[in-house]
Amino acid sequence: MSSAYGGRISRNQTIVRAADWLRRDIPYSQSNSDARWDLNRGRRYRPDCSGMVSMAWALDPTGIGRALVTWELPTVSSRIGWRDLSRGDILLRLVPGNRALEHVQLVQAWANPAHTRVWIIEQSGTATDMRRRVVTISAIRAAYAPYRYNRIS
Protein backbone atom coordinates (compact mmCIF):
# COMPACT_ATOMS: atom_id res chain seq x y z
CA MET A 1 0.00 0.00 0.00
CA SER A 2 1.14 3.51 -0.72
CA SER A 3 1.49 5.69 2.33
CA ALA A 4 0.25 8.67 0.30
CA TYR A 5 -3.34 9.81 0.75
CA GLY A 6 -5.23 9.27 -2.47
CA GLY A 7 -2.82 6.48 -3.47
CA ARG A 8 -3.35 2.74 -3.67
CA ILE A 9 -4.68 1.06 -0.53
CA SER A 10 -5.13 -2.58 0.40
CA ARG A 11 -8.45 -4.08 1.39
CA ASN A 12 -7.03 -5.01 4.79
CA GLN A 13 -5.77 -1.49 5.45
CA THR A 14 -9.19 -0.10 4.52
CA ILE A 15 -10.82 -2.33 7.14
CA VAL A 16 -8.16 -1.50 9.76
CA ARG A 17 -8.81 2.22 9.23
CA ALA A 18 -12.61 1.80 9.55
CA ALA A 19 -12.23 -0.49 12.59
CA ASP A 20 -10.22 2.25 14.32
CA TRP A 21 -13.18 4.64 14.11
CA LEU A 22 -15.48 1.80 15.22
CA ARG A 23 -13.24 1.08 18.23
CA ARG A 24 -13.17 4.78 19.13
CA ASP A 25 -16.97 5.03 18.58
CA ILE A 26 -16.61 8.28 16.65
CA PRO A 27 -19.87 10.24 17.05
CA TYR A 28 -21.86 11.02 13.91
CA SER A 29 -21.93 14.55 12.51
CA GLN A 30 -22.43 16.04 9.05
CA SER A 31 -20.41 19.10 10.00
CA ASN A 32 -16.88 19.56 8.65
CA SER A 33 -16.11 21.43 11.89
CA ASP A 34 -16.51 18.10 13.76
CA ALA A 35 -13.92 16.35 11.57
CA ARG A 36 -12.00 13.54 13.31
CA TRP A 37 -8.49 12.19 12.88
CA ASP A 38 -7.84 9.01 10.98
CA LEU A 39 -5.79 6.12 12.36
CA ASN A 40 -2.42 7.77 11.73
CA ARG A 41 -3.54 11.29 12.67
CA GLY A 42 -2.57 12.29 9.16
CA ARG A 43 -5.90 13.70 8.01
CA ARG A 44 -9.23 14.69 9.51
CA TYR A 45 -12.55 13.58 8.03
CA ARG A 46 -16.18 14.58 8.51
CA PRO A 47 -17.74 11.85 10.69
CA ASP A 48 -20.76 10.90 8.61
CA CYS A 49 -21.27 7.88 6.36
CA SER A 50 -19.41 9.20 3.31
CA GLY A 51 -16.73 10.84 5.46
CA MET A 52 -16.06 7.48 7.11
CA VAL A 53 -15.72 5.77 3.72
CA SER A 54 -13.44 8.60 2.52
CA MET A 55 -11.34 8.02 5.64
CA ALA A 56 -11.29 4.23 5.24
CA TRP A 57 -10.16 4.56 1.62
CA ALA A 58 -7.55 7.18 2.67
CA LEU A 59 -8.86 9.74 0.19
CA ASP A 60 -7.10 13.08 0.47
CA PRO A 61 -9.60 15.60 1.89
CA THR A 62 -7.01 18.37 1.63
CA GLY A 63 -6.64 17.70 -2.08
CA ILE A 64 -10.39 18.06 -2.63
CA GLY A 65 -10.99 20.46 0.23
CA ARG A 66 -13.23 18.07 2.20
CA ALA A 67 -14.36 14.46 2.41
CA LEU A 68 -16.60 13.37 -0.45
CA VAL A 69 -20.35 13.44 0.01
CA THR A 70 -22.33 10.30 -0.77
CA TRP A 71 -23.28 11.18 -4.36
CA GLU A 72 -19.64 11.97 -5.18
CA LEU A 73 -18.34 8.50 -4.23
CA PRO A 74 -18.93 7.16 -7.79
CA THR A 75 -16.29 9.65 -9.01
CA VAL A 76 -13.59 7.55 -7.28
CA SER A 77 -15.22 4.12 -7.54
CA SER A 78 -16.87 1.83 -10.06
CA ARG A 79 -20.06 -0.17 -9.88
CA ILE A 80 -19.48 -3.91 -9.57
CA GLY A 81 -21.67 -7.00 -9.57
CA TRP A 82 -23.03 -8.45 -6.34
CA ARG A 83 -21.00 -11.62 -6.91
CA ASP A 84 -17.81 -9.53 -7.03
CA LEU A 85 -18.46 -7.85 -3.67
CA SER A 86 -15.45 -8.07 -1.35
CA ARG A 87 -14.03 -6.50 1.82
CA GLY A 88 -13.34 -2.80 1.40
CA ASP A 89 -16.09 -2.35 -1.20
CA ILE A 90 -19.15 -0.24 -0.44
CA LEU A 91 -22.92 -0.57 -0.62
CA LEU A 92 -24.21 2.74 -1.91
CA ARG A 93 -27.77 4.07 -1.84
CA LEU A 94 -28.19 7.05 -4.18
CA VAL A 95 -31.46 9.00 -4.20
CA PRO A 96 -30.97 12.04 -6.48
CA GLY A 97 -34.47 13.33 -5.71
CA ASN A 98 -33.83 13.32 -1.96
CA ARG A 99 -30.13 13.43 -0.96
CA ALA A 100 -31.09 13.13 2.73
CA LEU A 101 -32.04 9.48 2.08
CA GLU A 102 -28.62 8.59 0.66
CA HIS A 103 -26.30 6.31 2.60
CA VAL A 104 -23.14 4.27 2.24
CA GLN A 105 -21.88 1.20 4.11
CA LEU A 106 -18.39 -0.33 4.02
CA VAL A 107 -18.22 -4.09 3.50
CA GLN A 108 -16.09 -5.81 6.13
CA ALA A 109 -16.63 -9.47 5.20
CA TRP A 110 -19.17 -12.03 4.08
CA ALA A 111 -21.18 -13.25 7.07
CA ASN A 112 -21.99 -16.67 5.65
CA PRO A 113 -20.55 -19.14 3.09
CA ALA A 114 -23.60 -18.74 0.81
CA HIS A 115 -22.79 -15.01 0.38
CA THR A 116 -26.31 -13.93 1.21
CA ARG A 117 -25.36 -11.85 4.26
CA VAL A 118 -22.50 -9.41 4.78
CA TRP A 119 -20.86 -7.67 7.74
CA ILE A 120 -20.80 -3.91 7.23
CA ILE A 121 -19.22 -1.01 9.11
CA GLU A 122 -21.09 2.26 8.93
CA GLN A 123 -21.41 5.71 10.42
CA SER A 124 -25.16 5.39 10.67
CA GLY A 125 -26.53 8.52 12.34
CA THR A 126 -26.78 10.26 15.67
CA ALA A 127 -28.83 7.46 17.27
CA THR A 128 -26.19 4.77 16.81
CA ASP A 129 -23.02 6.53 15.53
CA MET A 130 -20.38 4.01 14.40
CA ARG A 131 -21.58 0.45 14.21
CA ARG A 132 -20.90 -2.98 12.77
CA ARG A 133 -23.79 -5.20 11.77
CA VAL A 134 -24.95 -7.88 9.37
CA VAL A 135 -27.17 -6.99 6.43
CA THR A 136 -28.97 -9.44 4.17
CA ILE A 137 -28.29 -8.86 0.48
CA SER A 138 -31.87 -9.70 -0.52
CA ALA A 139 -33.16 -7.02 1.89
CA ILE A 140 -30.95 -4.22 0.56
CA ARG A 141 -30.50 -5.19 -3.09
CA ALA A 142 -33.34 -2.98 -4.36
CA ALA A 143 -32.04 0.17 -2.65
CA TYR A 144 -28.24 -0.26 -2.66
CA ALA A 145 -25.63 -0.97 -5.32
CA PRO A 146 -22.11 -2.36 -4.80
CA TYR A 147 -19.12 -0.17 -5.73
CA ARG A 148 -15.35 -0.65 -5.59
CA TYR A 149 -12.78 2.08 -4.96
CA ASN A 150 -10.68 2.52 -8.10
CA ARG A 151 -7.38 2.46 -6.16
CA ILE A 152 -8.00 -0.56 -3.89
CA SER A 153 -5.90 -3.68 -4.26
C-alpha atoms as a PDB file:
ATOM      1  CA  MET A   1       0.000   0.000   0.000  1.00  0.00           C
ATOM      2  CA  SER A   2       1.143   3.507  -0.723  1.00  0.00           C
ATOM      3  CA  SER A   3       1.488   5.692   2.325  1.00  0.00           C
ATOM      4  CA  ALA A   4       0.248   8.672   0.299  1.00  0.00           C
ATOM      5  CA  TYR A   5      -3.336   9.807   0.746  1.00  0.00           C
ATOM      6  CA  GLY A   6      -5.232   9.269  -2.475  1.00  0.00           C
ATOM      7  CA  GLY A   7      -2.823   6.482  -3.468  1.00  0.00           C
ATOM      8  CA  ARG A   8      -3.351   2.737  -3.666  1.00  0.00           C
ATOM      9  CA  ILE A   9      -4.679   1.060  -0.531  1.00  0.00           C
ATOM     10  CA  SER A  10      -5.130  -2.585   0.397  1.00  0.00           C
ATOM     11  CA  ARG A  11      -8.450  -4.078   1.387  1.00  0.00           C
ATOM     12  CA  ASN A  12      -7.032  -5.009   4.786  1.00  0.00           C
ATOM     13  CA  GLN A  13      -5.771  -1.490   5.451  1.00  0.00           C
ATOM     14  CA  THR A  14      -9.187  -0.104   4.517  1.00  0.00           C
ATOM     15  CA  ILE A  15     -10.818  -2.329   7.144  1.00  0.00           C
ATOM     16  CA  VAL A  16      -8.155  -1.495   9.758  1.00  0.00           C
ATOM     17  CA  ARG A  17      -8.806   2.217   9.226  1.00  0.00           C
ATOM     18  CA  ALA A  18     -12.607   1.795   9.549  1.00  0.00           C
ATOM     19  CA  ALA A  19     -12.227  -0.492  12.589  1.00  0.00           C
ATOM     20  CA  ASP A  20     -10.217   2.252  14.317  1.00  0.00           C
ATOM     21  CA  TRP A  21     -13.182   4.638  14.109  1.00  0.00           C
ATOM     22  CA  LEU A  22     -15.483   1.801  15.218  1.00  0.00           C
ATOM     23  CA  ARG A  23     -13.236   1.082  18.231  1.00  0.00           C
ATOM     24  CA  ARG A  24     -13.171   4.782  19.127  1.00  0.00           C
ATOM     25  CA  ASP A  25     -16.966   5.033  18.584  1.00  0.00           C
ATOM     26  CA  ILE A  26     -16.607   8.283  16.650  1.00  0.00           C
ATOM     27  CA  PRO A  27     -19.865  10.245  17.051  1.00  0.00           C
ATOM     28  CA  TYR A  28     -21.862  11.021  13.910  1.00  0.00           C
ATOM     29  CA  SER A  29     -21.927  14.549  12.509  1.00  0.00           C
ATOM     30  CA  GLN A  30     -22.430  16.039   9.055  1.00  0.00           C
ATOM     31  CA  SER A  31     -20.410  19.101   9.996  1.00  0.00           C
ATOM     32  CA  ASN A  32     -16.877  19.564   8.646  1.00  0.00           C
ATOM     33  CA  SER A  33     -16.112  21.430  11.888  1.00  0.00           C
ATOM     34  CA  ASP A  34     -16.512  18.100  13.762  1.00  0.00           C
ATOM     35  CA  ALA A  35     -13.916  16.354  11.572  1.00  0.00           C
ATOM     36  CA  ARG A  36     -12.001  13.542  13.310  1.00  0.00           C
ATOM     37  CA  TRP A  37      -8.487  12.194  12.880  1.00  0.00           C
ATOM     38  CA  ASP A  38      -7.842   9.006  10.976  1.00  0.00           C
ATOM     39  CA  LEU A  39      -5.789   6.118  12.362  1.00  0.00           C
ATOM     40  CA  ASN A  40      -2.422   7.773  11.731  1.00  0.00           C
ATOM     41  CA  ARG A  41      -3.536  11.289  12.675  1.00  0.00           C
ATOM     42  CA  GLY A  42      -2.565  12.286   9.157  1.00  0.00           C
ATOM     43  CA  ARG A  43      -5.903  13.699   8.013  1.00  0.00           C
ATOM     44  CA  ARG A  44      -9.233  14.693   9.511  1.00  0.00           C
ATOM     45  CA  TYR A  45     -12.550  13.578   8.030  1.00  0.00           C
ATOM     46  CA  ARG A  46     -16.185  14.582   8.510  1.00  0.00           C
ATOM     47  CA  PRO A  47     -17.740  11.845  10.695  1.00  0.00           C
ATOM     48  CA  ASP A  48     -20.759  10.900   8.609  1.00  0.00           C
ATOM     49  CA  CYS A  49     -21.269   7.876   6.362  1.00  0.00           C
ATOM     50  CA  SER A  50     -19.410   9.195   3.312  1.00  0.00           C
ATOM     51  CA  GLY A  51     -16.728  10.836   5.456  1.00  0.00           C
ATOM     52  CA  MET A  52     -16.058   7.477   7.114  1.00  0.00           C
ATOM     53  CA  VAL A  53     -15.717   5.774   3.720  1.00  0.00           C
ATOM     54  CA  SER A  54     -13.437   8.597   2.520  1.00  0.00           C
ATOM     55  CA  MET A  55     -11.336   8.020   5.643  1.00  0.00           C
ATOM     56  CA  ALA A  56     -11.291   4.226   5.244  1.00  0.00           C
ATOM     57  CA  TRP A  57     -10.163   4.565   1.623  1.00  0.00           C
ATOM     58  CA  ALA A  58      -7.547   7.181   2.672  1.00  0.00           C
ATOM     59  CA  LEU A  59      -8.862   9.744   0.195  1.00  0.00           C
ATOM     60  CA  ASP A  60      -7.102  13.081   0.468  1.00  0.00           C
ATOM     61  CA  PRO A  61      -9.595  15.600   1.889  1.00  0.00           C
ATOM     62  CA  THR A  62      -7.013  18.372   1.627  1.00  0.00           C
ATOM     63  CA  GLY A  63      -6.645  17.700  -2.079  1.00  0.00           C
ATOM     64  CA  ILE A  64     -10.389  18.058  -2.629  1.00  0.00           C
ATOM     65  CA  GLY A  65     -10.994  20.461   0.235  1.00  0.00           C
ATOM     66  CA  ARG A  66     -13.227  18.070   2.202  1.00  0.00           C
ATOM     67  CA  ALA A  67     -14.361  14.462   2.407  1.00  0.00           C
ATOM     68  CA  LEU A  68     -16.602  13.372  -0.446  1.00  0.00           C
ATOM     69  CA  VAL A  69     -20.354  13.440   0.014  1.00  0.00           C
ATOM     70  CA  THR A  70     -22.334  10.304  -0.773  1.00  0.00           C
ATOM     71  CA  TRP A  71     -23.283  11.180  -4.363  1.00  0.00           C
ATOM     72  CA  GLU A  72     -19.640  11.968  -5.182  1.00  0.00           C
ATOM     73  CA  LEU A  73     -18.338   8.499  -4.228  1.00  0.00           C
ATOM     74  CA  PRO A  74     -18.932   7.156  -7.787  1.00  0.00           C
ATOM     75  CA  THR A  75     -16.295   9.652  -9.014  1.00  0.00           C
ATOM     76  CA  VAL A  76     -13.590   7.553  -7.276  1.00  0.00           C
ATOM     77  CA  SER A  77     -15.221   4.121  -7.537  1.00  0.00           C
ATOM     78  CA  SER A  78     -16.873   1.829 -10.063  1.00  0.00           C
ATOM     79  CA  ARG A  79     -20.063  -0.166  -9.877  1.00  0.00           C
ATOM     80  CA  ILE A  80     -19.484  -3.908  -9.574  1.00  0.00           C
ATOM     81  CA  GLY A  81     -21.667  -7.004  -9.571  1.00  0.00           C
ATOM     82  CA  TRP A  82     -23.031  -8.448  -6.336  1.00  0.00           C
ATOM     83  CA  ARG A  83     -21.004 -11.623  -6.909  1.00  0.00           C
ATOM     84  CA  ASP A  84     -17.810  -9.534  -7.032  1.00  0.00           C
ATOM     85  CA  LEU A  85     -18.455  -7.854  -3.671  1.00  0.00           C
ATOM     86  CA  SER A  86     -15.446  -8.067  -1.346  1.00  0.00           C
ATOM     87  CA  ARG A  87     -14.030  -6.499   1.824  1.00  0.00           C
ATOM     88  CA  GLY A  88     -13.337  -2.798   1.399  1.00  0.00           C
ATOM     89  CA  ASP A  89     -16.087  -2.347  -1.204  1.00  0.00           C
ATOM     90  CA  ILE A  90     -19.155  -0.242  -0.440  1.00  0.00           C
ATOM     91  CA  LEU A  91     -22.916  -0.568  -0.615  1.00  0.00           C
ATOM     92  CA  LEU A  92     -24.213   2.745  -1.910  1.00  0.00           C
ATOM     93  CA  ARG A  93     -27.775   4.073  -1.844  1.00  0.00           C
ATOM     94  CA  LEU A  94     -28.195   7.046  -4.179  1.00  0.00           C
ATOM     95  CA  VAL A  95     -31.461   9.004  -4.196  1.00  0.00           C
ATOM     96  CA  PRO A  96     -30.969  12.044  -6.483  1.00  0.00           C
ATOM     97  CA  GLY A  97     -34.474  13.330  -5.713  1.00  0.00           C
ATOM     98  CA  ASN A  98     -33.826  13.321  -1.956  1.00  0.00           C
ATOM     99  CA  ARG A  99     -30.125  13.433  -0.961  1.00  0.00           C
ATOM    100  CA  ALA A 100     -31.094  13.129   2.732  1.00  0.00           C
ATOM    101  CA  LEU A 101     -32.040   9.477   2.081  1.00  0.00           C
ATOM    102  CA  GLU A 102     -28.621   8.585   0.661  1.00  0.00           C
ATOM    103  CA  HIS A 103     -26.301   6.307   2.604  1.00  0.00           C
ATOM    104  CA  VAL A 104     -23.138   4.269   2.237  1.00  0.00           C
ATOM    105  CA  GLN A 105     -21.881   1.202   4.106  1.00  0.00           C
ATOM    106  CA  LEU A 106     -18.394  -0.331   4.024  1.00  0.00           C
ATOM    107  CA  VAL A 107     -18.215  -4.087   3.497  1.00  0.00           C
ATOM    108  CA  GLN A 108     -16.088  -5.807   6.133  1.00  0.00           C
ATOM    109  CA  ALA A 109     -16.630  -9.474   5.198  1.00  0.00           C
ATOM    110  CA  TRP A 110     -19.169 -12.025   4.078  1.00  0.00           C
ATOM    111  CA  ALA A 111     -21.184 -13.248   7.067  1.00  0.00           C
ATOM    112  CA  ASN A 112     -21.985 -16.673   5.652  1.00  0.00           C
ATOM    113  CA  PRO A 113     -20.554 -19.137   3.086  1.00  0.00           C
ATOM    114  CA  ALA A 114     -23.599 -18.741   0.809  1.00  0.00           C
ATOM    115  CA  HIS A 115     -22.792 -15.009   0.378  1.00  0.00           C
ATOM    116  CA  THR A 116     -26.314 -13.935   1.207  1.00  0.00           C
ATOM    117  CA  ARG A 117     -25.365 -11.853   4.263  1.00  0.00           C
ATOM    118  CA  VAL A 118     -22.500  -9.415   4.777  1.00  0.00           C
ATOM    119  CA  TRP A 119     -20.864  -7.666   7.736  1.00  0.00           C
ATOM    120  CA  ILE A 120     -20.799  -3.907   7.230  1.00  0.00           C
ATOM    121  CA  ILE A 121     -19.221  -1.014   9.113  1.00  0.00           C
ATOM    122  CA  GLU A 122     -21.086   2.260   8.928  1.00  0.00           C
ATOM    123  CA  GLN A 123     -21.415   5.705  10.422  1.00  0.00           C
ATOM    124  CA  SER A 124     -25.163   5.393  10.665  1.00  0.00           C
ATOM    125  CA  GLY A 125     -26.535   8.517  12.336  1.00  0.00           C
ATOM    126  CA  THR A 126     -26.778  10.262  15.665  1.00  0.00           C
ATOM    127  CA  ALA A 127     -28.829   7.464  17.274  1.00  0.00           C
ATOM    128  CA  THR A 128     -26.186   4.768  16.809  1.00  0.00           C
ATOM    129  CA  ASP A 129     -23.020   6.531  15.529  1.00  0.00           C
ATOM    130  CA  MET A 130     -20.383   4.006  14.395  1.00  0.00           C
ATOM    131  CA  ARG A 131     -21.584   0.447  14.210  1.00  0.00           C
ATOM    132  CA  ARG A 132     -20.903  -2.980  12.768  1.00  0.00           C
ATOM    133  CA  ARG A 133     -23.793  -5.203  11.771  1.00  0.00           C
ATOM    134  CA  VAL A 134     -24.949  -7.883   9.371  1.00  0.00           C
ATOM    135  CA  VAL A 135     -27.169  -6.990   6.426  1.00  0.00           C
ATOM    136  CA  THR A 136     -28.970  -9.439   4.167  1.00  0.00           C
ATOM    137  CA  ILE A 137     -28.288  -8.864   0.484  1.00  0.00           C
ATOM    138  CA  SER A 138     -31.869  -9.698  -0.522  1.00  0.00           C
ATOM    139  CA  ALA A 139     -33.161  -7.021   1.888  1.00  0.00           C
ATOM    140  CA  ILE A 140     -30.951  -4.219   0.555  1.00  0.00           C
ATOM    141  CA  ARG A 141     -30.498  -5.187  -3.093  1.00  0.00           C
ATOM    142  CA  ALA A 142     -33.339  -2.984  -4.364  1.00  0.00           C
ATOM    143  CA  ALA A 143     -32.044   0.174  -2.648  1.00  0.00           C
ATOM    144  CA  TYR A 144     -28.242  -0.260  -2.660  1.00  0.00           C
ATOM    145  CA  ALA A 145     -25.625  -0.972  -5.319  1.00  0.00           C
ATOM    146  CA  PRO A 146     -22.113  -2.359  -4.796  1.00  0.00           C
ATOM    147  CA  TYR A 147     -19.119  -0.167  -5.727  1.00  0.00           C
ATOM    148  CA  ARG A 148     -15.348  -0.653  -5.593  1.00  0.00           C
ATOM    149  CA  TYR A 149     -12.780   2.082  -4.956  1.00  0.00           C
ATOM    150  CA  ASN A 150     -10.681   2.523  -8.103  1.00  0.00           C
ATOM    151  CA  ARG A 151      -7.378   2.456  -6.157  1.00  0.00           C
ATOM    152  CA  ILE A 152      -8.003  -0.559  -3.891  1.00  0.00           C
ATOM    153  CA  SER A 153      -5.904  -3.676  -4.261  1.00  0.00           C
END
